[in-house]
C-alpha atoms as a PDB file:
ATOM      1  CA  MET A   1      99.301  79.039  90.966  1.00  0.00           C
ATOM      2  CA  SER A   2     101.616  77.408  88.477  1.00  0.00           C
ATOM      3  CA  ASN A   3     103.369  74.158  89.130  1.00  0.00           C
ATOM      4  CA  ASP A   4     105.460  74.472  85.905  1.00  0.00           C
ATOM      5  CA  GLY A   5     108.832  75.032  87.401  1.00  0.00           C
ATOM      6  CA  ALA A   6     110.343  75.100  90.859  1.00  0.00           C
ATOM      7  CA  TRP A   7     108.856  77.035  93.809  1.00  0.00           C
ATOM      8  CA  ILE A   8     111.301  78.899  96.079  1.00  0.00           C
ATOM      9  CA  SER A   9     110.488  79.893  99.636  1.00  0.00           C
ATOM     10  CA  LEU A  10     112.068  83.054 101.043  1.00  0.00           C
ATOM     11  CA  PHE A  11     112.896  81.698 104.511  1.00  0.00           C
ATOM     12  CA  SER A  12     114.246  83.306 107.695  1.00  0.00           C
ATOM     13  CA  GLY A  13     113.120  80.711 110.204  1.00  0.00           C
ATOM     14  CA  GLY A  14     110.710  83.176 111.757  1.00  0.00           C
ATOM     15  CA  LYS A  15     106.926  82.761 111.992  1.00  0.00           C
ATOM     16  CA  ASP A  16     105.922  84.741 108.922  1.00  0.00           C
ATOM     17  CA  SER A  17     108.151  83.127 106.348  1.00  0.00           C
ATOM     18  CA  SER A  18     107.565  79.764 107.985  1.00  0.00           C
ATOM     19  CA  TRP A  19     103.740  80.266 107.670  1.00  0.00           C
ATOM     20  CA  ALA A  20     104.031  81.249 103.967  1.00  0.00           C
ATOM     21  CA  LEU A  21     105.970  78.098 103.417  1.00  0.00           C
ATOM     22  CA  TYR A  22     103.584  75.956 105.354  1.00  0.00           C
ATOM     23  CA  ARG A  23     100.540  77.369 103.458  1.00  0.00           C
ATOM     24  CA  ALA A  24     102.351  76.782 100.133  1.00  0.00           C
ATOM     25  CA  LEU A  25     102.896  73.150 101.033  1.00  0.00           C
ATOM     26  CA  GLU A  26      99.252  72.855 102.098  1.00  0.00           C
ATOM     27  CA  GLU A  27      98.198  74.354  98.734  1.00  0.00           C
ATOM     28  CA  GLY A  28     100.269  71.668  96.988  1.00  0.00           C
ATOM     29  CA  LEU A  29     102.921  74.006  95.529  1.00  0.00           C
ATOM     30  CA  PRO A  30     106.102  72.109  94.817  1.00  0.00           C
ATOM     31  CA  VAL A  31     108.587  73.986  97.020  1.00  0.00           C
ATOM     32  CA  SER A  32     111.901  72.542  96.286  1.00  0.00           C
ATOM     33  CA  ARG A  33     114.256  75.141  97.794  1.00  0.00           C
ATOM     34  CA  LEU A  34     114.507  77.510 100.765  1.00  0.00           C
ATOM     35  CA  VAL A  35     116.534  80.649 100.473  1.00  0.00           C
ATOM     36  CA  THR A  36     117.872  82.459 103.454  1.00  0.00           C
ATOM     37  CA  VAL A  37     119.612  85.828 103.294  1.00  0.00           C
ATOM     38  CA  HIS A  38     122.084  86.305 106.233  1.00  0.00           C
ATOM     39  CA  PRO A  39     122.488  89.988 107.098  1.00  0.00           C
ATOM     40  CA  SER A  40     125.312  90.565 109.532  1.00  0.00           C
ATOM     41  CA  GLU A  41     123.697  93.738 110.876  1.00  0.00           C
ATOM     42  CA  ASP A  42     120.463  95.792 110.595  1.00  0.00           C
ATOM     43  CA  SER A  43     118.521  95.491 107.366  1.00  0.00           C
ATOM     44  CA  TYR A  44     115.608  97.256 105.697  1.00  0.00           C
ATOM     45  CA  MET A  45     114.569  94.155 103.774  1.00  0.00           C
ATOM     46  CA  TYR A  46     115.542  91.073 105.759  1.00  0.00           C
ATOM     47  CA  HIS A  47     114.940  89.360 109.083  1.00  0.00           C
ATOM     48  CA  VAL A  48     118.240  89.488 111.002  1.00  0.00           C
ATOM     49  CA  PRO A  49     118.264  87.447 114.255  1.00  0.00           C
ATOM     50  CA  ALA A  50     118.894  83.658 114.487  1.00  0.00           C
ATOM     51  CA  THR A  51     119.105  83.068 110.722  1.00  0.00           C
ATOM     52  CA  GLU A  52     121.988  80.777 111.424  1.00  0.00           C
ATOM     53  CA  LEU A  53     119.373  78.163 112.515  1.00  0.00           C
ATOM     54  CA  THR A  54     117.728  77.961 109.098  1.00  0.00           C
ATOM     55  CA  ALA A  55     120.012  75.077 108.209  1.00  0.00           C
ATOM     56  CA  LEU A  56     118.534  73.066 111.124  1.00  0.00           C
ATOM     57  CA  ALA A  57     115.026  74.171 110.118  1.00  0.00           C
ATOM     58  CA  ALA A  58     115.568  73.152 106.500  1.00  0.00           C
ATOM     59  CA  GLU A  59     116.794  69.652 107.611  1.00  0.00           C
ATOM     60  CA  SER A  60     113.727  69.240 109.821  1.00  0.00           C
ATOM     61  CA  ILE A  61     111.453  70.370 106.997  1.00  0.00           C
ATOM     62  CA  GLY A  62     113.216  68.203 104.470  1.00  0.00           C
ATOM     63  CA  ILE A  63     113.798  70.885 101.823  1.00  0.00           C
ATOM     64  CA  SER A  64     117.177  71.929 100.507  1.00  0.00           C
ATOM     65  CA  LEU A  65     118.479  75.346 101.640  1.00  0.00           C
ATOM     66  CA  SER A  66     120.461  77.925  99.671  1.00  0.00           C
ATOM     67  CA  GLU A  67     122.155  80.592 101.858  1.00  0.00           C
ATOM     68  CA  VAL A  68     122.990  84.141 100.626  1.00  0.00           C
ATOM     69  CA  ASP A  69     125.685  86.280 102.148  1.00  0.00           C
ATOM     70  CA  PRO A  70     124.695  89.840 101.098  1.00  0.00           C
ATOM     71  CA  GLY A  71     127.970  91.397 102.277  1.00  0.00           C
ATOM     72  CA  ASP A  72     127.938  94.696 104.175  1.00  0.00           C
ATOM     73  CA  LEU A  73     124.441  96.158 103.678  1.00  0.00           C
ATOM     74  CA  ALA A  74     125.438  99.404 105.462  1.00  0.00           C
ATOM     75  CA  ALA A  75     121.908  99.821 106.594  1.00  0.00           C
ATOM     76  CA  THR A  76     122.731 101.858 109.652  1.00  0.00           C
ATOM     77  CA  ASP A  77     124.343 104.523 107.451  1.00  0.00           C
ATOM     78  CA  ALA A  78     121.619 104.673 104.881  1.00  0.00           C
ATOM     79  CA  VAL A  79     120.148 108.126 104.124  1.00  0.00           C
ATOM     80  CA  ASP A  80     117.721 107.087 101.387  1.00  0.00           C
ATOM     81  CA  ALA A  81     115.464 104.236 102.517  1.00  0.00           C
ATOM     82  CA  SER A  82     114.195 103.566  99.012  1.00  0.00           C
ATOM     83  CA  ALA A  83     117.597 103.322  97.447  1.00  0.00           C
ATOM     84  CA  GLN A  84     118.736 101.158 100.370  1.00  0.00           C
ATOM     85  CA  GLY A  85     115.786  98.763  99.825  1.00  0.00           C
ATOM     86  CA  ASP A  86     116.633  98.507  96.127  1.00  0.00           C
ATOM     87  CA  ALA A  87     120.229  97.786  96.889  1.00  0.00           C
ATOM     88  CA  GLU A  88     119.443  95.113  99.453  1.00  0.00           C
ATOM     89  CA  ILE A  89     117.110  93.151  97.055  1.00  0.00           C
ATOM     90  CA  GLU A  90     120.021  92.752  94.542  1.00  0.00           C
ATOM     91  CA  PRO A  91     121.935  89.887  96.248  1.00  0.00           C
ATOM     92  CA  LEU A  92     118.659  87.956  96.682  1.00  0.00           C
ATOM     93  CA  GLU A  93     117.687  88.458  93.083  1.00  0.00           C
ATOM     94  CA  ALA A  94     121.172  87.405  91.899  1.00  0.00           C
ATOM     95  CA  ALA A  95     120.823  84.171  93.945  1.00  0.00           C
ATOM     96  CA  LEU A  96     117.397  83.469  92.448  1.00  0.00           C
ATOM     97  CA  VAL A  97     118.675  84.093  88.921  1.00  0.00           C
ATOM     98  CA  ALA A  98     121.399  81.444  89.513  1.00  0.00           C
ATOM     99  CA  LEU A  99     118.799  79.055  90.914  1.00  0.00           C
ATOM    100  CA  ALA A 100     116.527  79.574  87.934  1.00  0.00           C
ATOM    101  CA  GLU A 101     119.384  78.709  85.568  1.00  0.00           C
ATOM    102  CA  SER A 102     119.988  75.482  87.526  1.00  0.00           C
ATOM    103  CA  GLU A 103     116.306  74.385  87.331  1.00  0.00           C
ATOM    104  CA  PRO A 104     115.292  72.557  84.180  1.00  0.00           C
ATOM    105  CA  ALA A 105     111.924  74.458  84.027  1.00  0.00           C
ATOM    106  CA  GLY A 106     113.145  77.598  85.752  1.00  0.00           C
ATOM    107  CA  ILE A 107     111.339  79.142  88.717  1.00  0.00           C
ATOM    108  CA  ALA A 108     107.528  79.068  88.821  1.00  0.00           C
ATOM    109  CA  GLY A 109     107.087  81.076  91.906  1.00  0.00           C
ATOM    110  CA  VAL A 110     108.358  82.534  95.245  1.00  0.00           C
ATOM    111  CA  THR A 111     106.737  82.470  98.652  1.00  0.00           C
ATOM    112  CA  ALA A 112     107.083  85.449 101.013  1.00  0.00           C
ATOM    113  CA  GLY A 113     105.848  86.143 104.537  1.00  0.00           C
ATOM    114  CA  ALA A 114     104.882  89.919 104.139  1.00  0.00           C
ATOM    115  CA  VAL A 115     101.879  91.054 106.176  1.00  0.00           C
ATOM    116  CA  GLU A 116     101.625  94.778 105.814  1.00  0.00           C
ATOM    117  CA  SER A 117     104.918  96.131 104.632  1.00  0.00           C
ATOM    118  CA  GLU A 118     104.579  97.678 101.192  1.00  0.00           C
ATOM    119  CA  PHE A 119     108.257  98.698 101.372  1.00  0.00           C
ATOM    120  CA  GLN A 120     109.289  95.004 101.245  1.00  0.00           C
ATOM    121  CA  THR A 121     106.345  93.575  99.241  1.00  0.00           C
ATOM    122  CA  ASN A 122     106.597  95.988  96.412  1.00  0.00           C
ATOM    123  CA  ARG A 123     110.336  95.165  95.923  1.00  0.00           C
ATOM    124  CA  ILE A 124     109.622  91.379  96.068  1.00  0.00           C
ATOM    125  CA  GLU A 125     106.791  91.748  93.603  1.00  0.00           C
ATOM    126  CA  ALA A 126     109.019  93.770  91.197  1.00  0.00           C
ATOM    127  CA  MET A 127     111.719  91.173  91.562  1.00  0.00           C
ATOM    128  CA  CYS A 128     109.245  88.396  90.671  1.00  0.00           C
ATOM    129  CA  GLU A 129     108.105  90.295  87.644  1.00  0.00           C
ATOM    130  CA  ARG A 130     111.677  90.594  86.470  1.00  0.00           C
ATOM    131  CA  LEU A 131     112.181  86.893  87.054  1.00  0.00           C
ATOM    132  CA  GLY A 132     108.981  86.070  85.275  1.00  0.00           C
ATOM    133  CA  CYS A 133     107.495  84.102  88.213  1.00  0.00           C
ATOM    134  CA  GLU A 134     104.589  84.254  90.616  1.00  0.00           C
ATOM    135  CA  LEU A 135     104.486  85.514  94.178  1.00  0.00           C
ATOM    136  CA  PHE A 136     102.630  83.550  96.791  1.00  0.00           C
ATOM    137  CA  ALA A 137     102.102  85.791  99.936  1.00  0.00           C
ATOM    138  CA  PRO A 138      99.272  84.205 101.947  1.00  0.00           C
ATOM    139  CA  LEU A 139      99.713  86.563 104.986  1.00  0.00           C
ATOM    140  CA  TRP A 140      99.299  89.759 102.910  1.00  0.00           C
ATOM    141  CA  GLN A 141      96.866  92.136 104.461  1.00  0.00           C
ATOM    142  CA  ARG A 142      95.387  89.457 106.790  1.00  0.00           C
ATOM    143  CA  GLU A 143      94.068  90.534 110.209  1.00  0.00           C
ATOM    144  CA  PRO A 144      97.129  90.130 112.585  1.00  0.00           C
ATOM    145  CA  SER A 145      95.394  88.488 115.541  1.00  0.00           C
ATOM    146  CA  VAL A 146      93.498  86.081 113.272  1.00  0.00           C
ATOM    147  CA  LEU A 147      96.871  85.084 111.608  1.00  0.00           C
ATOM    148  CA  ALA A 148      98.604  84.613 114.941  1.00  0.00           C
ATOM    149  CA  ARG A 149      95.905  82.375 116.218  1.00  0.00           C
ATOM    150  CA  GLU A 150      95.951  80.290 113.015  1.00  0.00           C
ATOM    151  CA  MET A 151      99.675  79.685 113.551  1.00  0.00           C
ATOM    152  CA  ILE A 152      99.174  78.726 117.172  1.00  0.00           C
ATOM    153  CA  GLU A 153      96.230  76.447 116.409  1.00  0.00           C
ATOM    154  CA  ALA A 154      98.181  74.719 113.521  1.00  0.00           C
ATOM    155  CA  GLY A 155     100.786  73.701 116.086  1.00  0.00           C
ATOM    156  CA  PHE A 156     103.497  76.237 115.407  1.00  0.00           C
ATOM    157  CA  GLU A 157     105.853  76.632 118.364  1.00  0.00           C
ATOM    158  CA  ILE A 158     107.100  80.200 118.090  1.00  0.00           C
ATOM    159  CA  HIS A 159     109.770  81.793 120.344  1.00  0.00           C
ATOM    160  CA  VAL A 160     110.533  85.495 120.646  1.00  0.00           C
ATOM    161  CA  VAL A 161     114.192  86.004 119.918  1.00  0.00           C
ATOM    162  CA  GLN A 162     114.412  89.817 119.745  1.00  0.00           C
ATOM    163  CA  VAL A 163     112.393  92.824 121.064  1.00  0.00           C
ATOM    164  CA  ALA A 164     112.602  96.521 120.466  1.00  0.00           C
ATOM    165  CA  ALA A 165     109.351  98.265 121.566  1.00  0.00           C
ATOM    166  CA  ALA A 166     107.628  99.836 124.507  1.00  0.00           C
ATOM    167  CA  GLY A 167     106.062  97.261 126.742  1.00  0.00           C
ATOM    168  CA  LEU A 168     108.365  94.432 125.544  1.00  0.00           C
ATOM    169  CA  ASP A 169     110.895  93.912 128.308  1.00  0.00           C
ATOM    170  CA  GLU A 170     113.567  91.289 128.825  1.00  0.00           C
ATOM    171  CA  SER A 171     111.042  88.768 130.046  1.00  0.00           C
ATOM    172  CA  TRP A 172     109.832  88.430 126.482  1.00  0.00           C
ATOM    173  CA  LEU A 173     113.130  87.005 125.293  1.00  0.00           C
ATOM    174  CA  GLY A 174     112.610  83.293 124.695  1.00  0.00           C
ATOM    175  CA  ARG A 175     108.884  83.554 125.462  1.00  0.00           C
ATOM    176  CA  THR A 176     106.590  81.201 123.477  1.00  0.00           C
ATOM    177  CA  LEU A 177     103.947  82.972 121.387  1.00  0.00           C
ATOM    178  CA  ASP A 178     100.962  81.171 122.810  1.00  0.00           C
ATOM    179  CA  GLU A 179      97.399  82.457 123.528  1.00  0.00           C
ATOM    180  CA  GLU A 180      98.467  84.195 126.748  1.00  0.00           C
ATOM    181  CA  ALA A 181     101.336  85.942 124.963  1.00  0.00           C
ATOM    182  CA  LEU A 182      99.067  86.960 122.142  1.00  0.00           C
ATOM    183  CA  SER A 183      96.567  88.395 124.595  1.00  0.00           C
ATOM    184  CA  ASP A 184      99.363  90.383 126.159  1.00  0.00           C
ATOM    185  CA  LEU A 185     100.444  91.631 122.714  1.00  0.00           C
ATOM    186  CA  GLU A 186      96.821  92.783 121.939  1.00  0.00           C
ATOM    187  CA  THR A 187      96.896  94.679 125.219  1.00  0.00           C
ATOM    188  CA  LEU A 188     100.290  96.321 124.171  1.00  0.00           C
ATOM    189  CA  ASN A 189      98.807  97.036 120.803  1.00  0.00           C
ATOM    190  CA  ASP A 190      95.976  99.068 122.468  1.00  0.00           C
ATOM    191  CA  ARG A 191      98.369 100.802 124.846  1.00  0.00           C
ATOM    192  CA  TYR A 192     101.440 101.449 122.768  1.00  0.00           C
ATOM    193  CA  GLY A 193     100.585 100.508 119.149  1.00  0.00           C
ATOM    194  CA  VAL A 194     102.760  97.418 119.239  1.00  0.00           C
ATOM    195  CA  HIS A 195     101.943  95.435 116.163  1.00  0.00           C
ATOM    196  CA  VAL A 196     100.566  91.934 117.147  1.00  0.00           C
ATOM    197  CA  LEU A 197     102.804  90.265 114.649  1.00  0.00           C
ATOM    198  CA  GLY A 198     105.805  92.534 115.078  1.00  0.00           C
ATOM    199  CA  GLU A 199     105.432  93.799 111.568  1.00  0.00           C
ATOM    200  CA  GLY A 200     107.052  97.123 112.511  1.00  0.00           C
ATOM    201  CA  GLY A 201     110.149  95.341 113.919  1.00  0.00           C
ATOM    202  CA  GLU A 202     108.816  95.385 117.507  1.00  0.00           C
ATOM    203  CA  PHE A 203     109.855  91.764 117.873  1.00  0.00           C
ATOM    204  CA  GLU A 204     111.379  88.929 115.935  1.00  0.00           C
ATOM    205  CA  THR A 205     110.689  85.176 116.213  1.00  0.00           C
ATOM    206  CA  LEU A 206     112.045  81.687 115.555  1.00  0.00           C
ATOM    207  CA  VAL A 207     109.751  78.697 114.780  1.00  0.00           C
ATOM    208  CA  VAL A 208     111.260  75.699 116.671  1.00  0.00           C
ATOM    209  CA  ALA A 209     108.477  73.164 115.826  1.00  0.00           C
ATOM    210  CA  GLY A 210     105.469  72.836 113.564  1.00  0.00           C
ATOM    211  CA  PRO A 211     103.361  70.425 111.475  1.00  0.00           C
ATOM    212  CA  HIS A 212     105.724  70.862 108.563  1.00  0.00           C
ATOM    213  CA  MET A 213     108.792  69.926 110.666  1.00  0.00           C
ATOM    214  CA  ASP A 214     109.821  66.364 111.504  1.00  0.00           C
ATOM    215  CA  ARG A 215     112.041  67.299 114.409  1.00  0.00           C
ATOM    216  CA  ARG A 216     112.137  70.108 116.923  1.00  0.00           C
ATOM    217  CA  ILE A 217     114.989  72.697 117.151  1.00  0.00           C
ATOM    218  CA  GLU A 218     116.501  72.707 120.643  1.00  0.00           C
ATOM    219  CA  TYR A 219     118.844  75.482 121.590  1.00  0.00           C
ATOM    220  CA  GLU A 220     120.704  77.120 124.501  1.00  0.00           C
ATOM    221  CA  ALA A 221     120.939  80.895 124.655  1.00  0.00           C
ATOM    222  CA  GLY A 222     121.822  83.901 126.799  1.00  0.00           C
ATOM    223  CA  THR A 223     120.158  87.264 126.723  1.00  0.00           C
ATOM    224  CA  GLU A 224     121.545  90.671 125.684  1.00  0.00           C
ATOM    225  CA  TRP A 225     119.533  93.600 127.096  1.00  0.00           C
ATOM    226  CA  ASP A 226     120.323  97.306 126.964  1.00  0.00           C
ATOM    227  CA  GLY A 227     117.422  98.598 128.968  1.00  0.00           C
ATOM    228  CA  THR A 228     115.116  99.190 126.029  1.00  0.00           C
ATOM    229  CA  ARG A 229     115.783  96.404 123.506  1.00  0.00           C
ATOM    230  CA  GLY A 230     117.461  93.053 123.546  1.00  0.00           C
ATOM    231  CA  ARG A 231     117.826  89.672 121.864  1.00  0.00           C
ATOM    232  CA  LEU A 232     118.692  85.975 122.516  1.00  0.00           C
ATOM    233  CA  ARG A 233     122.280  85.113 121.878  1.00  0.00           C
ATOM    234  CA  ILE A 234     122.056  81.493 120.808  1.00  0.00           C
ATOM    235  CA  THR A 235     125.147  79.526 121.842  1.00  0.00           C
ATOM    236  CA  ASP A 236     124.209  76.076 120.748  1.00  0.00           C
ATOM    237  CA  ALA A 237     121.385  74.378 118.714  1.00  0.00           C
ATOM    238  CA  ARG A 238     120.439  70.893 117.462  1.00  0.00           C
ATOM    239  CA  LEU A 239     117.448  68.858 116.317  1.00  0.00           C
ATOM    240  CA  SER A 240     115.837  66.643 118.836  1.00  0.00           C
END
């Protein structure tokens, strides 16, 4: 991996992008910027819930944050998934082009938390090719249960902030992804096919503490539940 230029971390505050950032730092890659895209509604390419807390996470991590407002992605009305994915990558790429122009040596590479989604990874890879930079994707095609345990054992405190799958009821909202929760997810995987890392959108997460963070994210939240899916509605948050 090249150190000739800046490294940018695609960062949602969830476990996968946080793990990619953490592994990049462990590898000695000079990550100088986090980039968060803030979809206002459903998205084919981006993590949606609780991205407003990435500013607190960035402060705790000690790396500058750039935030991207992609406008109305119109994902709920999309009829062509491929075209929608291509359209959604455009505001991120434009932001990275602007960052590259502001960096004396340009962008050396980008980190991403993709595990199995070729839909997302292929577009990020193509974007990196157009930008002339490398892609660091340390979660790619790793065994999900092994990855989850690595995160837990490293000291990541991971909270579930959204669920949308059979077997994941309201009690999962705000639950910590620990060894007991992981065991339950493995059971749900056997029973319903729920992905252990939520790669199919079954659940979304927020990392509130970890070895790469100096301070913990504290928050207050209520729950929204419609009988089959739900999310935390965060009302206040701060660093402890």
